[in-house]
Amino acid sequence: MSKTDIFLKVRVQVLSDHIEEFKKLITRVSEQPPIENGPASVAYYYDDQTQQAVFLESHVSSAALLANIGADDGGDRALLGSMYELIDIDIYGTVNDQVRSALGAAATYYRPF
């Protein structure tokens, strides 16, 4: 297993007319094999009260993260993105300028000590 250098926490607001579909799709996506050049690991969490979801991802490098940003698999993962609005992204680790450029002000960056 590769060493993980970058962690992401993505928090989203699930659109109210997609909640049940979102939950089913997350279950299906969770059971699919990892996508090539995708996250080293990913976990999904959902809060019924706020209708918010959190995606936790780990990536082995900035290049791996960059390959995954905006990646459209044309299937369930692409459909998933149409069911929520982004609240915030927290990135933990050292990323390169290309990642910062791709995510811009949408992300808060935390560097290791």
C-alpha atoms as a PDB file:
ATOM      1  CA  MET A   1       0.000   0.000   0.000  1.00  0.00           C
ATOM      2  CA  SER A   2       1.244   3.469  -0.906  1.00  0.00           C
ATOM      3  CA  LYS A   3       1.989   6.163   1.588  1.00  0.00           C
ATOM      4  CA  THR A   4      -0.780   8.747   1.675  1.00  0.00           C
ATOM      5  CA  ASP A   5       0.342  12.346   1.649  1.00  0.00           C
ATOM      6  CA  ILE A   6      -2.850  14.310   1.035  1.00  0.00           C
ATOM      7  CA  PHE A   7      -6.229  14.057   2.737  1.00  0.00           C
ATOM      8  CA  LEU A   8      -9.439  15.799   1.673  1.00  0.00           C
ATOM      9  CA  LYS A   9     -12.684  16.496   3.453  1.00  0.00           C
ATOM     10  CA  VAL A  10     -15.419  17.599   1.079  1.00  0.00           C
ATOM     11  CA  ARG A  11     -18.690  18.735   2.659  1.00  0.00           C
ATOM     12  CA  VAL A  12     -21.806  19.048   0.491  1.00  0.00           C
ATOM     13  CA  GLN A  13     -25.471  19.926   0.848  1.00  0.00           C
ATOM     14  CA  VAL A  14     -27.592  17.236  -0.762  1.00  0.00           C
ATOM     15  CA  LEU A  15     -30.370  18.742  -2.868  1.00  0.00           C
ATOM     16  CA  SER A  16     -33.703  18.041  -1.202  1.00  0.00           C
ATOM     17  CA  ASP A  17     -35.257  16.476  -4.295  1.00  0.00           C
ATOM     18  CA  HIS A  18     -32.367  13.981  -4.595  1.00  0.00           C
ATOM     19  CA  ILE A  19     -31.901  12.678  -1.033  1.00  0.00           C
ATOM     20  CA  GLU A  20     -33.087   9.104  -1.476  1.00  0.00           C
ATOM     21  CA  GLU A  21     -31.446   8.783  -4.881  1.00  0.00           C
ATOM     22  CA  PHE A  22     -28.220  10.216  -3.417  1.00  0.00           C
ATOM     23  CA  LYS A  23     -28.202   7.651  -0.589  1.00  0.00           C
ATOM     24  CA  LYS A  24     -28.751   4.753  -3.013  1.00  0.00           C
ATOM     25  CA  LEU A  25     -26.087   6.041  -5.359  1.00  0.00           C
ATOM     26  CA  ILE A  26     -23.539   6.478  -2.547  1.00  0.00           C
ATOM     27  CA  THR A  27     -24.157   2.871  -1.532  1.00  0.00           C
ATOM     28  CA  ARG A  28     -23.643   1.707  -5.117  1.00  0.00           C
ATOM     29  CA  VAL A  29     -20.502   3.861  -5.625  1.00  0.00           C
ATOM     30  CA  SER A  30     -19.075   2.566  -2.328  1.00  0.00           C
ATOM     31  CA  GLU A  31     -19.345  -0.988  -3.608  1.00  0.00           C
ATOM     32  CA  GLN A  32     -17.637  -0.277  -6.960  1.00  0.00           C
ATOM     33  CA  PRO A  33     -13.952  -0.992  -7.478  1.00  0.00           C
ATOM     34  CA  PRO A  34     -11.656   2.028  -7.154  1.00  0.00           C
ATOM     35  CA  ILE A  35     -11.294   4.132 -10.276  1.00  0.00           C
ATOM     36  CA  GLU A  36      -7.908   4.205 -11.953  1.00  0.00           C
ATOM     37  CA  ASN A  37      -5.882   7.182 -10.692  1.00  0.00           C
ATOM     38  CA  GLY A  38      -8.629   7.791  -8.141  1.00  0.00           C
ATOM     39  CA  PRO A  39      -8.323   8.260  -4.402  1.00  0.00           C
ATOM     40  CA  ALA A  40      -6.211   5.789  -2.421  1.00  0.00           C
ATOM     41  CA  SER A  41      -9.182   5.580  -0.053  1.00  0.00           C
ATOM     42  CA  VAL A  42     -12.590   7.183   0.241  1.00  0.00           C
ATOM     43  CA  ALA A  43     -15.360   7.148   2.835  1.00  0.00           C
ATOM     44  CA  TYR A  44     -18.824   8.683   2.730  1.00  0.00           C
ATOM     45  CA  TYR A  45     -20.869  10.017   5.646  1.00  0.00           C
ATOM     46  CA  TYR A  46     -24.381  11.467   5.699  1.00  0.00           C
ATOM     47  CA  ASP A  47     -26.341  13.428   8.339  1.00  0.00           C
ATOM     48  CA  ASP A  48     -30.119  12.963   8.023  1.00  0.00           C
ATOM     49  CA  GLN A  49     -30.854  16.029  10.128  1.00  0.00           C
ATOM     50  CA  THR A  50     -28.869  18.556   8.073  1.00  0.00           C
ATOM     51  CA  GLN A  51     -29.006  16.607   4.790  1.00  0.00           C
ATOM     52  CA  GLN A  52     -25.293  17.163   4.447  1.00  0.00           C
ATOM     53  CA  ALA A  53     -22.731  14.624   3.345  1.00  0.00           C
ATOM     54  CA  VAL A  54     -18.987  14.440   3.874  1.00  0.00           C
ATOM     55  CA  PHE A  55     -16.564  12.660   1.572  1.00  0.00           C
ATOM     56  CA  LEU A  56     -13.172  11.798   3.057  1.00  0.00           C
ATOM     57  CA  GLU A  57     -10.478  10.983   0.516  1.00  0.00           C
ATOM     58  CA  SER A  58      -6.787  10.253   0.611  1.00  0.00           C
ATOM     59  CA  HIS A  59      -4.378  10.678  -2.294  1.00  0.00           C
ATOM     60  CA  VAL A  60      -0.770   9.592  -2.641  1.00  0.00           C
ATOM     61  CA  SER A  61       0.376  12.811  -4.338  1.00  0.00           C
ATOM     62  CA  SER A  62      -0.677  16.124  -5.828  1.00  0.00           C
ATOM     63  CA  ALA A  63      -0.531  14.479  -9.257  1.00  0.00           C
ATOM     64  CA  ALA A  64      -2.983  11.781  -8.152  1.00  0.00           C
ATOM     65  CA  LEU A  65      -5.309  14.391  -6.659  1.00  0.00           C
ATOM     66  CA  LEU A  66      -5.092  16.521  -9.790  1.00  0.00           C
ATOM     67  CA  ALA A  67      -5.942  13.519 -11.976  1.00  0.00           C
ATOM     68  CA  ASN A  68      -9.065  13.010  -9.877  1.00  0.00           C
ATOM     69  CA  ILE A  69     -10.236  16.655  -9.848  1.00  0.00           C
ATOM     70  CA  GLY A  70     -12.993  16.996 -12.358  1.00  0.00           C
ATOM     71  CA  ALA A  71     -12.579  13.410 -13.513  1.00  0.00           C
ATOM     72  CA  ASP A  72     -15.796  12.323 -15.168  1.00  0.00           C
ATOM     73  CA  ASP A  73     -16.281   8.594 -15.295  1.00  0.00           C
ATOM     74  CA  GLY A  74     -19.515   9.104 -17.216  1.00  0.00           C
ATOM     75  CA  GLY A  75     -21.387   6.917 -14.737  1.00  0.00           C
ATOM     76  CA  ASP A  76     -22.476   6.921 -11.118  1.00  0.00           C
ATOM     77  CA  ARG A  77     -19.733   9.237  -9.897  1.00  0.00           C
ATOM     78  CA  ALA A  78     -20.648  11.847 -12.520  1.00  0.00           C
ATOM     79  CA  LEU A  79     -24.348  11.577 -11.628  1.00  0.00           C
ATOM     80  CA  LEU A  80     -23.519  11.958  -7.941  1.00  0.00           C
ATOM     81  CA  GLY A  81     -22.044  15.416  -8.556  1.00  0.00           C
ATOM     82  CA  SER A  82     -25.370  16.681  -9.892  1.00  0.00           C
ATOM     83  CA  MET A  83     -27.157  15.878  -6.614  1.00  0.00           C
ATOM     84  CA  TYR A  84     -25.446  18.309  -4.260  1.00  0.00           C
ATOM     85  CA  GLU A  85     -24.029  21.785  -3.782  1.00  0.00           C
ATOM     86  CA  LEU A  86     -20.487  22.165  -2.512  1.00  0.00           C
ATOM     87  CA  ILE A  87     -20.188  23.691   0.965  1.00  0.00           C
ATOM     88  CA  ASP A  88     -16.440  23.493   1.528  1.00  0.00           C
ATOM     89  CA  ILE A  89     -13.261  21.539   0.901  1.00  0.00           C
ATOM     90  CA  ASP A  90     -10.472  21.091   3.432  1.00  0.00           C
ATOM     91  CA  ILE A  91      -7.137  19.773   2.193  1.00  0.00           C
ATOM     92  CA  TYR A  92      -4.570  18.398   4.634  1.00  0.00           C
ATOM     93  CA  GLY A  93      -1.036  17.989   3.337  1.00  0.00           C
ATOM     94  CA  THR A  94       1.309  19.712   0.953  1.00  0.00           C
ATOM     95  CA  VAL A  95      -0.089  20.248  -2.532  1.00  0.00           C
ATOM     96  CA  ASN A  96       1.458  21.767  -5.625  1.00  0.00           C
ATOM     97  CA  ASP A  97       0.461  24.984  -7.379  1.00  0.00           C
ATOM     98  CA  GLN A  98      -1.583  23.106 -10.001  1.00  0.00           C
ATOM     99  CA  VAL A  99      -3.902  21.731  -7.301  1.00  0.00           C
ATOM    100  CA  ARG A 100      -4.239  25.183  -5.737  1.00  0.00           C
ATOM    101  CA  SER A 101      -5.009  26.643  -9.150  1.00  0.00           C
ATOM    102  CA  ALA A 102      -7.599  23.948  -9.916  1.00  0.00           C
ATOM    103  CA  LEU A 103      -9.422  24.327  -6.599  1.00  0.00           C
ATOM    104  CA  GLY A 104      -8.763  27.998  -5.998  1.00  0.00           C
ATOM    105  CA  ALA A 105     -10.749  29.655  -3.240  1.00  0.00           C
ATOM    106  CA  ALA A 106     -13.063  26.644  -2.928  1.00  0.00           C
ATOM    107  CA  ALA A 107     -10.557  24.953  -0.616  1.00  0.00           C
ATOM    108  CA  THR A 108      -8.868  25.655   2.690  1.00  0.00           C
ATOM    109  CA  TYR A 109      -5.329  24.272   2.846  1.00  0.00           C
ATOM    110  CA  TYR A 110      -3.732  22.875   6.003  1.00  0.00           C
ATOM    111  CA  ARG A 111      -0.014  22.098   5.895  1.00  0.00           C
ATOM    112  CA  PRO A 112       1.790  19.738   8.219  1.00  0.00           C
ATOM    113  CA  PHE A 113       4.036  21.231  10.902  1.00  0.00           C
END
